[in-house]
Protein backbone atom coordinates (compact mmCIF):
# COMPACT_ATOMS: atom_id res chain seq x y z
CA UNK A 1 -1.08 39.10 -25.09
CA UNK A 2 -3.16 42.10 -25.73
CA UNK A 3 -4.13 43.32 -29.03
CA UNK A 4 -2.24 46.56 -28.49
CA UNK A 5 0.78 44.84 -27.58
CA UNK A 6 0.68 42.34 -30.44
CA UNK A 7 0.08 45.13 -32.81
CA UNK A 8 2.76 47.34 -31.70
CA UNK A 9 5.42 44.39 -31.57
CA UNK A 10 4.30 43.54 -35.09
CA UNK A 11 4.65 47.23 -36.20
CA UNK A 12 8.17 47.41 -35.07
CA UNK A 13 8.99 44.10 -36.89
CA UNK A 14 7.47 45.36 -40.06
CA UNK A 15 8.95 48.84 -39.88
CA UNK A 16 12.45 47.96 -39.18
CA UNK A 17 13.83 49.66 -42.15
CA UNK A 18 12.19 52.90 -41.70
CA UNK A 19 13.14 52.97 -37.98
CA UNK A 20 16.67 52.54 -38.91
CA UNK A 21 16.39 55.03 -41.49
CA UNK A 22 15.18 57.64 -38.96
CA UNK A 23 18.01 56.75 -36.64
CA UNK A 24 20.46 57.29 -39.33
CA UNK A 25 18.87 60.80 -39.93
CA UNK A 26 19.68 61.69 -36.19
CA UNK A 27 23.12 60.10 -36.08
CA UNK A 28 24.02 62.55 -39.33
CA UNK A 29 23.36 65.64 -37.01
CA UNK A 30 26.95 66.43 -35.48
CA UNK A 31 25.63 67.40 -32.27
CA UNK A 32 28.73 67.71 -30.24
CA UNK A 33 28.14 69.60 -27.00
CA UNK A 34 31.86 70.43 -26.03
CA UNK A 35 32.86 72.48 -29.05
CA UNK A 36 31.04 75.85 -29.56
CA UNK A 37 31.66 75.51 -33.32
CA UNK A 38 28.91 72.83 -33.35
CA UNK A 39 26.09 74.90 -31.85
CA UNK A 40 24.20 74.87 -34.99
CA UNK A 41 24.08 71.22 -35.12
CA UNK A 42 23.12 71.00 -31.51
CA UNK A 43 20.05 73.41 -32.50
CA UNK A 44 19.39 71.27 -35.41
CA UNK A 45 19.15 67.92 -33.32
CA UNK A 46 16.90 69.48 -30.84
CA UNK A 47 14.48 70.67 -33.68
CA UNK A 48 14.59 67.08 -35.17
CA UNK A 49 13.48 65.74 -31.90
CA UNK A 50 10.77 68.29 -31.36
CA UNK A 51 9.42 67.37 -34.79
CA UNK A 52 9.67 63.60 -34.15
CA UNK A 53 7.87 63.78 -30.68
CA UNK A 54 5.16 65.77 -32.21
CA UNK A 55 4.62 63.36 -35.14
CA UNK A 56 3.98 60.52 -32.77
CA UNK A 57 1.32 62.47 -30.72
CA UNK A 58 3.29 63.93 -27.88
CA UNK A 59 1.62 67.21 -26.76
CA UNK A 60 3.02 70.55 -25.62
CA UNK A 61 6.60 69.83 -27.38
CA UNK A 62 8.85 72.58 -26.81
CA UNK A 63 12.67 73.55 -26.98
CA UNK A 64 13.20 74.88 -23.66
CA UNK A 65 16.27 77.16 -22.91
CA UNK A 66 18.92 76.48 -20.29
CA UNK A 67 22.23 78.21 -19.33
CA UNK A 68 23.67 76.13 -22.22
CA UNK A 69 22.24 73.99 -24.70
CA UNK A 70 18.57 73.33 -24.85
CA UNK A 71 16.12 70.87 -23.30
CA UNK A 72 13.48 69.15 -25.57
CA UNK A 73 10.43 68.76 -23.54
CA UNK A 74 7.06 67.02 -24.47
CA UNK A 75 4.26 65.53 -22.50
CA UNK A 76 1.47 62.85 -22.83
CA UNK A 77 -0.91 63.20 -20.09
CA UNK A 78 -4.04 61.12 -21.25
CA UNK A 79 -3.56 58.63 -18.69
CA UNK A 80 -5.19 60.80 -16.14
CA UNK A 81 -4.33 61.95 -12.70
CA UNK A 82 -4.63 58.68 -10.97
CA UNK A 83 -1.79 56.98 -13.32
CA UNK A 84 2.04 57.31 -12.48
CA UNK A 85 4.01 59.76 -14.38
CA UNK A 86 7.27 58.89 -15.82
CA UNK A 87 10.08 61.12 -17.22
CA UNK A 88 11.75 59.75 -20.40
CA UNK A 89 15.32 61.12 -19.95
CA UNK A 90 17.70 61.14 -22.76
CA UNK A 91 20.50 63.30 -24.23
CA UNK A 92 20.87 64.16 -27.88
CA UNK A 93 24.72 65.48 -27.69
CA UNK A 94 27.62 63.42 -28.42
CA UNK A 95 31.24 63.07 -28.08
CA UNK A 96 33.64 64.69 -30.58
CA UNK A 97 34.61 62.17 -33.32
CA UNK A 98 38.48 62.67 -32.68
CA UNK A 99 40.66 61.04 -33.68
CA UNK A 100 38.73 61.13 -36.98
CA UNK A 101 41.57 59.17 -38.84
CA UNK A 102 40.81 55.97 -36.63
CA UNK A 103 37.34 55.75 -37.92
CA UNK A 104 36.88 53.08 -40.86
CA UNK A 105 33.84 55.08 -42.11
CA UNK A 106 32.86 58.60 -41.35
CA UNK A 107 31.55 59.15 -37.91
CA UNK A 108 28.42 60.99 -38.71
CA UNK A 109 27.65 58.75 -41.86
CA UNK A 110 26.10 55.74 -40.07
CA UNK A 111 26.99 52.64 -41.92
CA UNK A 112 25.93 49.01 -41.61
CA UNK A 113 28.68 46.30 -41.34
CA UNK A 114 28.22 42.81 -39.78
CA UNK A 115 24.99 43.29 -38.23
CA UNK A 116 26.26 46.64 -36.57
CA UNK A 117 25.48 50.38 -37.25
CA UNK A 118 28.61 52.40 -36.91
CA UNK A 119 28.69 56.08 -36.19
CA UNK A 120 28.89 58.54 -33.18
CA UNK A 121 26.01 58.41 -30.96
CA UNK A 122 24.62 55.06 -32.22
CA UNK A 123 25.18 53.66 -28.82
CA UNK A 124 25.64 56.66 -26.56
CA UNK A 125 22.92 57.58 -26.80
CA UNK A 126 21.02 58.33 -29.76
CA UNK A 127 20.18 54.81 -30.49
CA UNK A 128 19.11 54.09 -26.98
CA UNK A 129 16.82 57.29 -26.92
CA UNK A 130 15.24 56.28 -30.12
CA UNK A 131 14.49 52.82 -28.96
CA UNK A 132 12.27 54.22 -26.19
CA UNK A 133 10.88 56.72 -28.69
CA UNK A 134 9.96 54.13 -31.13
CA UNK A 135 8.39 51.84 -28.52
CA UNK A 136 6.14 54.67 -27.32
CA UNK A 137 5.38 55.43 -31.02
CA UNK A 138 4.52 51.81 -31.45
CA UNK A 139 2.16 51.73 -28.73
CA UNK A 140 0.31 54.93 -29.41
CA UNK A 141 -0.63 53.64 -32.75
CA UNK A 142 -2.99 51.12 -31.27
CA UNK A 143 -4.25 52.70 -28.11
CA UNK A 144 -3.54 54.89 -25.07
CA UNK A 145 -0.60 54.43 -22.77
CA UNK A 146 -1.21 53.34 -19.09
CA UNK A 147 1.06 55.90 -17.63
CA UNK A 148 1.72 59.67 -18.40
CA UNK A 149 4.96 60.57 -19.98
CA UNK A 150 7.02 63.67 -19.84
CA UNK A 151 10.00 63.91 -21.82
CA UNK A 152 13.31 65.66 -20.76
CA UNK A 153 15.95 65.20 -23.67
CA UNK A 154 19.05 67.44 -22.88
CA UNK A 155 21.97 68.46 -24.94
CA UNK A 156 24.85 68.67 -22.45
CA UNK A 157 25.21 65.33 -21.06
CA UNK A 158 28.65 64.64 -22.71
CA UNK A 159 29.73 67.99 -21.20
CA UNK A 160 28.65 66.80 -17.60
CA UNK A 161 25.21 68.60 -17.84
CA UNK A 162 26.27 71.82 -16.41
CA UNK A 163 23.03 73.46 -16.91
CA UNK A 164 20.72 70.64 -16.06
CA UNK A 165 20.52 71.18 -12.28
CA UNK A 166 19.37 74.99 -12.44
CA UNK A 167 16.96 73.82 -15.24
CA UNK A 168 15.23 71.23 -13.02
CA UNK A 169 15.08 73.64 -10.06
CA UNK A 170 13.37 76.20 -12.32
CA UNK A 171 10.95 73.68 -13.85
CA UNK A 172 9.99 71.36 -10.71
CA UNK A 173 6.50 71.75 -11.26
CA UNK A 174 6.52 71.07 -15.03
CA UNK A 175 8.76 68.03 -14.47
CA UNK A 176 6.75 66.52 -11.50
CA UNK A 177 6.72 62.99 -11.72
CA UNK A 178 6.98 59.43 -10.04
CA UNK A 179 9.99 57.96 -11.58
CA UNK A 180 12.22 58.14 -14.43
CA UNK A 181 13.07 55.87 -17.34
CA UNK A 182 16.95 56.43 -18.31
CA UNK A 183 18.07 54.31 -21.23
CA UNK A 184 21.65 55.84 -21.09
CA UNK A 185 23.33 52.49 -19.65
CA UNK A 186 23.87 49.34 -20.94
CA UNK A 187 24.43 45.63 -20.68
CA UNK A 188 27.05 44.21 -17.99
CA UNK A 189 27.90 41.57 -20.85
CA UNK A 190 26.86 40.75 -24.31
CA UNK A 191 23.40 39.26 -24.30
CA UNK A 192 22.94 39.97 -20.38
CA UNK A 193 19.83 42.17 -19.83
CA UNK A 194 20.82 44.54 -17.09
CA UNK A 195 19.22 47.04 -14.72
CA UNK A 196 21.84 49.49 -13.36
CA UNK A 197 21.02 50.45 -9.62
CA UNK A 198 24.11 52.33 -9.01
CA UNK A 199 26.35 55.04 -10.87
CA UNK A 200 29.46 56.63 -9.67
CA UNK A 201 29.83 60.47 -9.31
CA UNK A 202 32.14 62.66 -11.24
CA UNK A 203 34.58 65.47 -10.64
CA UNK A 204 36.33 67.03 -13.44
CA UNK A 205 39.19 69.59 -13.46
CA UNK A 206 42.20 70.96 -15.09
CA UNK A 207 45.61 71.16 -13.49
CA UNK A 208 48.07 73.94 -14.37
CA UNK A 209 51.65 73.90 -13.42
CA UNK A 210 53.76 76.96 -14.02
CA UNK A 211 57.48 77.13 -14.27
CA UNK A 212 59.57 79.91 -15.60
CA UNK A 213 58.00 82.99 -16.81
CA UNK A 214 58.37 82.18 -20.52
CA UNK A 215 59.57 79.26 -22.88
CA UNK A 216 63.14 78.69 -22.78
CA UNK A 217 65.92 77.28 -25.00
CA UNK A 218 66.44 73.71 -23.43
CA UNK A 219 69.99 73.68 -24.52
CA UNK A 220 70.79 76.97 -22.60
CA UNK A 221 68.65 76.19 -19.71
CA UNK A 222 67.93 72.45 -19.52
CA UNK A 223 68.92 70.91 -16.45
CA UNK A 224 69.39 74.23 -14.66
CA UNK A 225 65.53 75.29 -14.52
CA UNK A 226 62.80 72.73 -13.52
CA UNK A 227 60.64 71.92 -16.13
CA UNK A 228 56.90 72.17 -15.53
CA UNK A 229 55.89 69.13 -17.61
CA UNK A 230 58.45 67.05 -15.62
CA UNK A 231 56.81 68.37 -12.56
CA UNK A 232 53.24 67.89 -13.66
CA UNK A 233 54.35 64.16 -14.44
CA UNK A 234 55.68 63.65 -11.10
CA UNK A 235 52.62 64.84 -9.45
CA UNK A 236 50.57 62.68 -11.55
CA UNK A 237 52.51 59.61 -10.69
CA UNK A 238 52.16 60.26 -7.01
CA UNK A 239 48.53 60.09 -7.06
CA UNK A 240 48.45 56.40 -6.92
CA UNK A 241 50.49 54.28 -4.60
CA UNK A 242 52.09 50.95 -5.50
CA UNK A 243 48.86 49.12 -4.63
CA UNK A 244 46.59 51.30 -6.91
CA UNK A 245 45.32 53.43 -3.83
CA UNK A 246 44.68 57.07 -4.34
CA UNK A 247 47.02 59.33 -2.04
CA UNK A 248 44.75 62.61 -1.66
CA UNK A 249 44.67 63.23 2.26
CA UNK A 250 41.47 62.02 3.39
CA UNK A 251 40.38 60.60 0.13
CA UNK A 252 38.75 57.62 1.49
CA UNK A 253 37.37 58.91 4.71
CA UNK A 254 33.69 59.04 3.42
CA UNK A 255 34.03 56.04 0.93
CA UNK A 256 31.08 53.65 1.67
CA UNK A 257 32.64 50.32 1.50
CA UNK A 258 30.71 47.04 0.23
CA UNK A 259 29.15 45.03 2.68
CA UNK A 260 29.64 41.13 2.37
CA UNK A 261 26.13 40.66 0.90
CA UNK A 262 26.60 43.04 -2.06
CA UNK A 263 30.06 41.59 -2.57
CA UNK A 264 28.58 38.22 -2.86
CA UNK A 265 25.93 39.39 -5.16
CA UNK A 266 28.50 41.27 -7.53
CA UNK A 267 30.68 38.28 -7.57
CA UNK A 268 27.62 36.11 -8.91
CA UNK A 269 27.23 38.36 -11.83
CA UNK A 270 27.86 36.22 -15.07
CA UNK A 271 30.55 38.50 -16.31
CA UNK A 272 33.52 36.78 -18.15
CA UNK A 273 36.49 39.08 -17.26
CA UNK A 274 38.67 37.37 -19.74
CA UNK A 275 36.29 38.68 -22.49
CA UNK A 276 36.01 41.97 -21.06
CA UNK A 277 39.70 42.35 -20.97
CA UNK A 278 40.23 41.16 -24.53
CA UNK A 279 37.57 43.93 -25.56
CA UNK A 280 39.70 46.69 -24.06
CA UNK A 281 42.91 45.54 -25.83
CA UNK A 282 44.98 46.22 -22.47
CA UNK A 283 47.32 43.56 -21.50
CA UNK A 284 45.98 43.23 -17.79
CA UNK A 285 43.68 44.70 -15.31
CA UNK A 286 44.98 47.18 -12.76
CA UNK A 287 43.61 49.04 -9.84
CA UNK A 288 43.10 48.95 -6.13
CA UNK A 289 44.39 46.07 -4.45
CA UNK A 290 41.81 43.62 -2.88
CA UNK A 291 38.78 44.30 -5.18
CA UNK A 292 37.57 42.73 -8.23
CA UNK A 293 37.28 44.27 -11.60
CA UNK A 294 33.43 44.54 -11.06
CA UNK A 295 33.87 46.17 -7.78
CA UNK A 296 36.56 48.42 -8.83
CA UNK A 297 34.56 49.85 -11.76
CA UNK A 298 31.08 49.94 -9.97
CA UNK A 299 31.66 50.69 -6.37
CA UNK A 300 35.15 52.06 -5.77
CA UNK A 301 36.38 55.47 -6.62
CA UNK A 302 39.05 56.18 -9.41
CA UNK A 303 41.04 59.09 -10.63
CA UNK A 304 42.30 59.27 -14.41
CA UNK A 305 44.28 61.68 -16.34
CA UNK A 306 42.32 62.33 -19.62
CA UNK A 307 44.96 64.37 -21.34
CA UNK A 308 48.25 66.05 -20.83
CA UNK A 309 49.82 68.81 -22.70
CA UNK A 310 52.18 71.59 -22.70
CA UNK A 311 55.28 72.86 -24.78
CA UNK A 312 55.60 71.99 -28.47
CA UNK A 313 53.71 68.95 -29.79
CA UNK A 314 53.75 69.75 -33.68
CA UNK A 315 55.83 67.95 -36.15
CA UNK A 316 59.44 67.77 -36.00
CA UNK A 317 61.74 69.28 -33.09
CA UNK A 318 61.63 72.36 -31.17
CA UNK A 319 64.07 72.52 -28.34
CA UNK A 320 61.92 74.08 -25.72
CA UNK A 321 61.78 74.05 -22.15
CA UNK A 322 58.07 75.10 -21.62
CA UNK A 323 56.71 77.73 -19.39
CA UNK A 324 53.70 75.80 -18.19
CA UNK A 325 52.04 72.47 -18.29
CA UNK A 326 48.43 71.05 -18.32
CA UNK A 327 46.54 68.02 -17.58
CA UNK A 328 42.72 67.26 -17.64
CA UNK A 329 41.60 65.12 -14.87
CA UNK A 330 38.28 63.27 -14.01
CA UNK A 331 37.64 61.40 -10.72
CA UNK A 332 34.67 58.83 -10.40
CA UNK A 333 33.19 59.04 -6.85
CA UNK A 334 31.20 56.81 -4.82
CA UNK A 335 28.26 57.08 -2.31
CA UNK A 336 29.08 59.66 0.61
CA UNK A 337 31.98 61.28 -1.46
CA UNK A 338 31.22 65.09 -1.81
CA UNK A 339 32.76 66.60 -5.04
CA UNK A 340 33.46 69.79 -3.20
CA UNK A 341 35.42 68.00 -0.48
CA UNK A 342 37.26 65.92 -3.01
CA UNK A 343 38.37 68.89 -4.66
CA UNK A 344 39.73 70.44 -1.49
CA UNK A 345 41.51 67.00 -1.00
CA UNK A 346 43.14 67.57 -4.43
CA UNK A 347 44.28 71.26 -3.61
CA UNK A 348 46.10 70.01 -0.41
CA UNK A 349 47.65 67.21 -2.41
CA UNK A 350 48.98 69.70 -4.82
CA UNK A 351 50.18 72.06 -2.08
CA UNK A 352 51.89 69.37 -0.01
CA UNK A 353 53.51 67.71 -3.12
CA UNK A 354 54.62 70.40 -5.45
CA UNK A 355 58.29 71.55 -5.61
CA UNK A 356 58.75 75.06 -4.57
CA UNK A 357 60.13 76.55 -7.70
CA UNK A 358 56.84 75.85 -9.49
CA UNK A 359 53.27 76.98 -8.74
CA UNK A 360 49.99 75.21 -9.47
CA UNK A 361 46.39 76.54 -10.25
CA UNK A 362 43.30 74.45 -10.57
CA UNK A 363 39.93 74.88 -12.84
CA UNK A 364 37.13 73.30 -11.59
CA UNK A 365 34.88 72.15 -14.46
CA UNK A 366 31.96 69.96 -12.93
CA UNK A 367 30.99 67.72 -10.18
CA UNK A 368 28.17 65.35 -9.40
CA UNK A 369 27.32 62.75 -6.45
CA UNK A 370 27.18 59.24 -6.84
CA UNK A 371 23.84 57.70 -6.62
CA UNK A 372 21.83 54.37 -5.96
CA UNK A 373 18.33 53.41 -6.63
CA UNK A 374 15.82 50.93 -5.19
CA UNK A 375 15.29 47.59 -6.82
CA UNK A 376 11.64 47.07 -6.11
CA UNK A 377 9.68 49.82 -7.54
CA UNK A 378 6.62 49.57 -10.05
CA UNK A 379 8.93 50.56 -12.82
CA UNK A 380 11.77 48.15 -11.89
CA UNK A 381 9.29 45.33 -11.61
CA UNK A 382 7.80 46.32 -15.02
CA UNK A 383 11.24 46.15 -16.60
CA UNK A 384 12.28 43.03 -15.09
CA UNK A 385 8.95 41.39 -16.55
CA UNK A 386 9.71 42.95 -19.88
CA UNK A 387 13.27 41.55 -19.99
CA UNK A 388 11.83 38.15 -19.10
CA UNK A 389 9.35 38.37 -21.86
CA UNK A 390 11.85 39.40 -24.58
CA UNK A 391 15.03 37.93 -23.51
CA UNK A 392 13.84 34.72 -21.94
CA UNK A 393 15.95 35.42 -18.67
CA UNK A 394 15.71 37.55 -15.54
CA UNK A 395 17.97 40.67 -15.69
CA UNK A 396 20.92 40.98 -13.54
CA UNK A 397 21.53 44.14 -11.12
CA UNK A 398 24.45 45.93 -11.71
CA UNK A 399 26.77 48.94 -10.28
CA UNK A 400 28.21 50.88 -13.38
CA UNK A 401 31.37 52.84 -13.30
CA UNK A 402 29.92 55.55 -15.40
CA UNK A 403 28.34 58.80 -14.27
CA UNK A 404 25.19 60.19 -15.40
CA UNK A 405 24.47 63.54 -13.70
CA UNK A 406 20.88 63.52 -14.34
CA UNK A 407 20.20 60.63 -12.36
CA UNK A 408 21.55 62.30 -9.12
CA UNK A 409 20.11 65.63 -10.15
CA UNK A 410 16.68 64.13 -10.50
CA UNK A 411 16.93 62.55 -7.20
CA UNK A 412 18.00 65.54 -5.30
CA UNK A 413 15.69 68.02 -7.10
CA UNK A 414 12.58 66.11 -8.25
CA UNK A 415 12.65 63.38 -5.62
CA UNK A 416 12.46 60.74 -8.37
CA UNK A 417 14.68 57.58 -8.90
CA UNK A 418 15.50 56.09 -12.38
CA UNK A 419 14.79 52.89 -13.97
CA UNK A 420 18.10 52.72 -15.48
CA UNK A 421 18.90 50.28 -18.49
CA UNK A 422 20.04 50.04 -21.96
CA UNK A 423 21.24 48.08 -24.88
CA UNK A 424 24.65 49.16 -25.45
CA UNK A 425 27.05 46.25 -25.41
CA UNK A 426 30.46 46.39 -23.83
CA UNK A 427 32.16 46.11 -27.21
CA UNK A 428 30.38 49.13 -28.65
CA UNK A 429 33.17 51.43 -28.49
CA UNK A 430 31.46 53.96 -26.67
CA UNK A 431 33.33 57.60 -26.77
CA UNK A 432 35.95 55.82 -29.20
CA UNK A 433 36.41 55.56 -32.91
CA UNK A 434 34.01 53.16 -34.62
CA UNK A 435 31.33 53.49 -32.02
CA UNK A 436 28.75 50.88 -33.02
CA UNK A 437 25.24 49.59 -32.03
CA UNK A 438 24.42 45.86 -32.54
CA UNK A 439 21.23 45.99 -34.38
CA UNK A 440 19.53 42.76 -33.48
CA UNK A 441 19.96 43.69 -29.71
CA UNK A 442 18.62 47.38 -30.51
CA UNK A 443 15.41 45.78 -32.14
CA UNK A 444 14.96 43.41 -29.03
CA UNK A 445 15.46 46.65 -26.79
CA UNK A 446 12.66 48.38 -28.56
CA UNK A 447 10.51 45.25 -27.96
CA UNK A 448 11.56 45.37 -24.48
CA UNK A 449 10.40 48.96 -24.05
CA UNK A 450 7.12 48.06 -25.47
CA UNK A 451 6.67 45.17 -23.08
CA UNK A 452 7.67 47.64 -20.21
CA UNK A 453 5.04 50.26 -21.11
CA UNK A 454 2.46 47.34 -21.34
CA UNK A 455 3.43 46.06 -18.04
CA UNK A 456 3.11 49.41 -16.42
CA UNK A 457 -0.85 49.04 -16.80
CA UNK A 458 -0.89 46.38 -13.98
CA UNK A 459 1.82 48.11 -11.68
């Protein structure tokens, strides 16, 4: 073990409390990207990161504007032109805390309980981002790094990164690199080190169904005028058939199916589906017939209604037949599916299935293609070796059901693949009340990133 590696690991062990205090500081910043009311908090989080990166020896730290929330950029180029250059990607924005009444302790007042740190962003992804930052800080205290680093930390990932593609195109030269390190993933199972090589794509939109020209008295018109909430519910019910298949015309035409080799590899993953199910609180798994849970969430497309609203939803009763109804919808797409084409398939479905007395409209929000990465790059091998050193086992390779637009965007615009990993556990309540970070796992994550940086010297 080199002196730099030994000293960096010792530093993290000695400074656990101070590192945790810093994490609590950034957790306390309510950097919700989806609500304009939180824009001052977004700016505060960007400034906090700018100050932090500068303090650990990162050069040229800037807050760069985008079409939306800014990107925090910084660079370490002391390894020289012959060394590989790595983008450290992350996001400092978080999901809203709602429903706030479901939190045991306030969402932005990080609290320790039973070996976990509870708070919005602890796991997704301020904790994961800071694990990488703290690892770089520890290594720089005792020497130079064997690779060049460029930080790109965005503020819109939880809002589907609407400004990132254009930002990458406008800054291709600044961001030129060989690969990216992205810690916005997690472990496929508790205490199971994981490298994610595939992410599903994303399409998000809102469906609007219009009925009568105004809200009507349900006593005077109920049963005589078609209710748009009823119609929207009927349409939503037709999106899947009895076997869990999606019924949009042409939806599966470009879906790349799994070959036997990959199905066998996914089946060998040591994932306890009973434990996963217990963590959801759902009575059973559901989905497309003929596929396992792991295949459904990682390699098959899905459509979900995220919210439905219309009419009166306040306290008490209001006997109204509403004029309109709305639903928020997201699709998870797989390789070869084009979000634009799938959007057209959804439009055709609505055209073919809506009853004539109602009309529909659609607001497209964002789309991102699915992506897969190679499993034999220098960065992946360095991460494999790091997991073996810290966890005492080889990591598994996993296809995640989630979507990170930046992964595909960086592939398309910059030509770089991502080493995608992380230390979030399946029971960390990501996007839910009482989000948490298992602290011992997090500290092992910092150590893993330290070993990864050390291993890049021999890549």
